[in-house]
């Protein structure tokens, strides 16, 4: 039995600001144990999330991002 059979991949659409924090935590928790270039560095995520040209919630994230 392969790993994908033991642990099926499940995804859903991005739903809320809470998902941003969950993704950030995942990036932070896994950065040291993944190959270089595999994960975004947390600073990259923070820049994308908090320092974009608009600080408003981008409703397109809910359509484009999968978690």
N, C-alpha and C. Protein backbone atom coordinates (compact mmCIF):
# COMPACT_ATOMS: atom_id res chain seq x y z
N UNK A 1 0.85 -1.18 0.00
CA UNK A 1 0.00 0.00 0.00
C UNK A 1 0.90 1.24 0.00
N UNK A 2 0.68 2.14 -0.95
CA UNK A 2 1.47 3.36 -1.04
C UNK A 2 1.03 4.41 -0.04
N UNK A 3 1.88 5.40 0.14
CA UNK A 3 1.58 6.45 1.12
C UNK A 3 0.32 7.23 0.75
N UNK A 4 0.07 7.40 -0.57
CA UNK A 4 -1.13 8.14 -0.97
C UNK A 4 -2.40 7.35 -0.67
N UNK A 5 -2.28 6.05 -0.58
CA UNK A 5 -3.43 5.24 -0.20
C UNK A 5 -3.65 5.27 1.31
N UNK A 6 -2.57 5.38 2.06
CA UNK A 6 -2.67 5.45 3.51
C UNK A 6 -3.14 6.83 3.97
N UNK A 7 -2.68 7.85 3.27
CA UNK A 7 -2.98 9.24 3.63
C UNK A 7 -3.47 9.99 2.41
N UNK A 8 -4.73 9.83 2.07
CA UNK A 8 -5.24 10.49 0.86
C UNK A 8 -5.15 12.01 0.98
N UNK A 9 -4.88 12.64 -0.14
CA UNK A 9 -4.80 14.11 -0.17
C UNK A 9 -6.20 14.67 -0.33
N UNK A 10 -6.55 15.55 0.57
CA UNK A 10 -7.87 16.17 0.56
C UNK A 10 -7.65 17.67 0.55
N UNK A 11 -8.37 18.38 -0.29
CA UNK A 11 -8.24 19.84 -0.30
C UNK A 11 -9.62 20.47 -0.36
N UNK A 12 -9.64 21.74 -0.01
CA UNK A 12 -10.87 22.52 -0.06
C UNK A 12 -10.50 23.94 -0.43
N UNK A 13 -11.48 24.74 -0.76
CA UNK A 13 -11.23 26.13 -1.07
C UNK A 13 -10.86 26.90 0.18
N UNK A 14 -10.02 27.90 -0.01
CA UNK A 14 -9.66 28.85 1.03
C UNK A 14 -10.93 29.50 1.53
N UNK A 15 -11.11 29.60 2.86
CA UNK A 15 -12.39 30.08 3.38
C UNK A 15 -12.33 31.37 4.18
N UNK A 16 -11.24 31.62 4.88
CA UNK A 16 -11.25 32.78 5.77
C UNK A 16 -9.83 33.20 6.13
N UNK A 17 -9.72 34.29 6.86
CA UNK A 17 -8.44 34.76 7.35
C UNK A 17 -7.80 33.71 8.26
N UNK A 18 -8.59 32.93 8.92
CA UNK A 18 -8.07 31.86 9.77
C UNK A 18 -7.22 30.88 8.96
N UNK A 19 -7.61 30.65 7.70
CA UNK A 19 -6.81 29.78 6.83
C UNK A 19 -5.43 30.35 6.57
N UNK A 20 -5.32 31.68 6.49
CA UNK A 20 -4.00 32.31 6.33
C UNK A 20 -3.08 31.93 7.47
N UNK A 21 -3.61 31.96 8.69
CA UNK A 21 -2.79 31.62 9.86
C UNK A 21 -2.45 30.13 9.87
N UNK A 22 -3.35 29.29 9.43
CA UNK A 22 -3.06 27.85 9.37
C UNK A 22 -1.96 27.56 8.35
N UNK A 23 -2.03 28.23 7.20
CA UNK A 23 -1.01 28.04 6.18
C UNK A 23 0.34 28.55 6.70
N UNK A 24 0.32 29.71 7.36
CA UNK A 24 1.56 30.26 7.91
C UNK A 24 2.19 29.29 8.91
N UNK A 25 1.36 28.72 9.75
CA UNK A 25 1.88 27.77 10.75
C UNK A 25 2.46 26.53 10.07
N UNK A 26 1.79 26.04 9.03
CA UNK A 26 2.30 24.89 8.29
C UNK A 26 3.66 25.22 7.68
N UNK A 27 3.78 26.38 7.06
CA UNK A 27 5.06 26.78 6.47
C UNK A 27 6.15 26.87 7.54
N UNK A 28 5.82 27.44 8.65
CA UNK A 28 6.78 27.58 9.74
C UNK A 28 7.19 26.23 10.31
N UNK A 29 6.23 25.36 10.51
CA UNK A 29 6.50 24.04 11.11
C UNK A 29 7.29 23.13 10.17
N UNK A 30 7.16 23.31 8.87
CA UNK A 30 7.78 22.38 7.93
C UNK A 30 9.00 22.93 7.21
N UNK A 31 9.31 24.21 7.39
CA UNK A 31 10.41 24.82 6.63
C UNK A 31 11.74 24.11 6.86
N UNK A 32 12.05 23.78 8.09
CA UNK A 32 13.34 23.15 8.42
C UNK A 32 13.44 21.70 7.98
N UNK A 33 12.33 21.06 7.69
CA UNK A 33 12.39 19.63 7.36
C UNK A 33 12.11 19.34 5.89
N UNK A 34 12.00 20.37 5.08
CA UNK A 34 11.75 20.18 3.65
C UNK A 34 12.97 20.61 2.84
N UNK A 35 13.12 20.08 1.63
CA UNK A 35 14.26 20.47 0.79
C UNK A 35 14.24 21.97 0.48
N UNK A 36 15.42 22.53 0.24
CA UNK A 36 15.54 23.95 -0.10
C UNK A 36 14.70 24.24 -1.34
N UNK A 37 13.89 25.30 -1.25
CA UNK A 37 13.06 25.70 -2.37
C UNK A 37 11.72 25.00 -2.46
N UNK A 38 11.47 24.03 -1.59
CA UNK A 38 10.20 23.30 -1.63
C UNK A 38 9.07 24.10 -1.01
N UNK A 39 9.33 24.71 0.14
CA UNK A 39 8.33 25.53 0.84
C UNK A 39 8.67 27.00 0.70
N UNK A 40 7.65 27.81 0.76
CA UNK A 40 7.87 29.25 0.90
C UNK A 40 8.43 29.51 2.28
N UNK A 41 9.32 30.48 2.37
CA UNK A 41 9.77 30.95 3.67
C UNK A 41 8.63 31.80 4.25
N UNK A 42 8.49 31.78 5.56
CA UNK A 42 7.39 32.49 6.22
C UNK A 42 7.40 33.98 5.87
N UNK A 43 8.59 34.58 5.73
CA UNK A 43 8.65 36.00 5.37
C UNK A 43 8.02 36.26 4.00
N UNK A 44 8.15 35.32 3.10
CA UNK A 44 7.52 35.46 1.78
C UNK A 44 5.99 35.45 1.93
N UNK A 45 5.49 34.52 2.72
CA UNK A 45 4.05 34.44 2.97
C UNK A 45 3.54 35.71 3.63
N UNK A 46 4.25 36.17 4.67
CA UNK A 46 3.84 37.39 5.37
C UNK A 46 3.82 38.59 4.42
N UNK A 47 4.82 38.67 3.56
CA UNK A 47 4.86 39.77 2.60
C UNK A 47 3.68 39.72 1.65
N UNK A 48 3.35 38.53 1.18
CA UNK A 48 2.22 38.36 0.27
C UNK A 48 0.92 38.70 0.97
N UNK A 49 0.80 38.31 2.21
CA UNK A 49 -0.46 38.48 2.95
C UNK A 49 -0.63 39.88 3.53
N UNK A 50 0.42 40.41 4.15
CA UNK A 50 0.27 41.64 4.92
C UNK A 50 0.78 42.91 4.23
N UNK A 51 1.64 42.75 3.25
CA UNK A 51 2.25 43.94 2.67
C UNK A 51 1.94 44.12 1.18
N UNK A 52 0.91 43.48 0.71
CA UNK A 52 0.48 43.67 -0.67
C UNK A 52 -0.01 45.11 -0.84
N UNK A 53 -0.20 45.54 -2.06
CA UNK A 53 -0.61 46.92 -2.31
C UNK A 53 -1.93 47.26 -1.65
N UNK A 54 -2.78 46.29 -1.46
CA UNK A 54 -4.05 46.53 -0.80
C UNK A 54 -4.11 45.72 0.49
N UNK A 55 -4.58 46.31 1.54
CA UNK A 55 -4.70 45.58 2.80
C UNK A 55 -6.09 44.98 2.96
N UNK A 56 -6.94 45.22 1.97
CA UNK A 56 -8.29 44.67 2.03
C UNK A 56 -8.26 43.17 1.76
N UNK A 57 -9.24 42.49 2.25
CA UNK A 57 -9.39 41.07 1.98
C UNK A 57 -9.64 40.88 0.49
N UNK A 58 -8.87 40.04 -0.13
CA UNK A 58 -9.02 39.77 -1.55
C UNK A 58 -9.93 38.55 -1.71
N UNK A 59 -11.14 38.77 -2.16
CA UNK A 59 -12.12 37.67 -2.27
C UNK A 59 -11.70 36.63 -3.30
N UNK A 60 -10.81 36.98 -4.21
CA UNK A 60 -10.33 36.01 -5.19
C UNK A 60 -9.51 34.90 -4.54
N UNK A 61 -8.91 35.18 -3.37
CA UNK A 61 -8.14 34.15 -2.69
C UNK A 61 -9.01 32.94 -2.42
N UNK A 62 -10.26 33.19 -2.09
CA UNK A 62 -11.16 32.08 -1.78
C UNK A 62 -11.39 31.18 -2.99
N UNK A 63 -11.23 31.72 -4.19
CA UNK A 63 -11.46 30.96 -5.40
C UNK A 63 -10.16 30.31 -5.91
N UNK A 64 -9.02 30.95 -5.64
CA UNK A 64 -7.77 30.53 -6.23
C UNK A 64 -6.91 29.63 -5.34
N UNK A 65 -7.00 29.81 -4.04
CA UNK A 65 -6.13 29.09 -3.11
C UNK A 65 -6.85 27.84 -2.61
N UNK A 66 -6.09 26.74 -2.59
CA UNK A 66 -6.61 25.48 -2.05
C UNK A 66 -5.81 25.14 -0.80
N UNK A 67 -6.50 24.67 0.22
CA UNK A 67 -5.82 24.24 1.45
C UNK A 67 -6.16 22.80 1.75
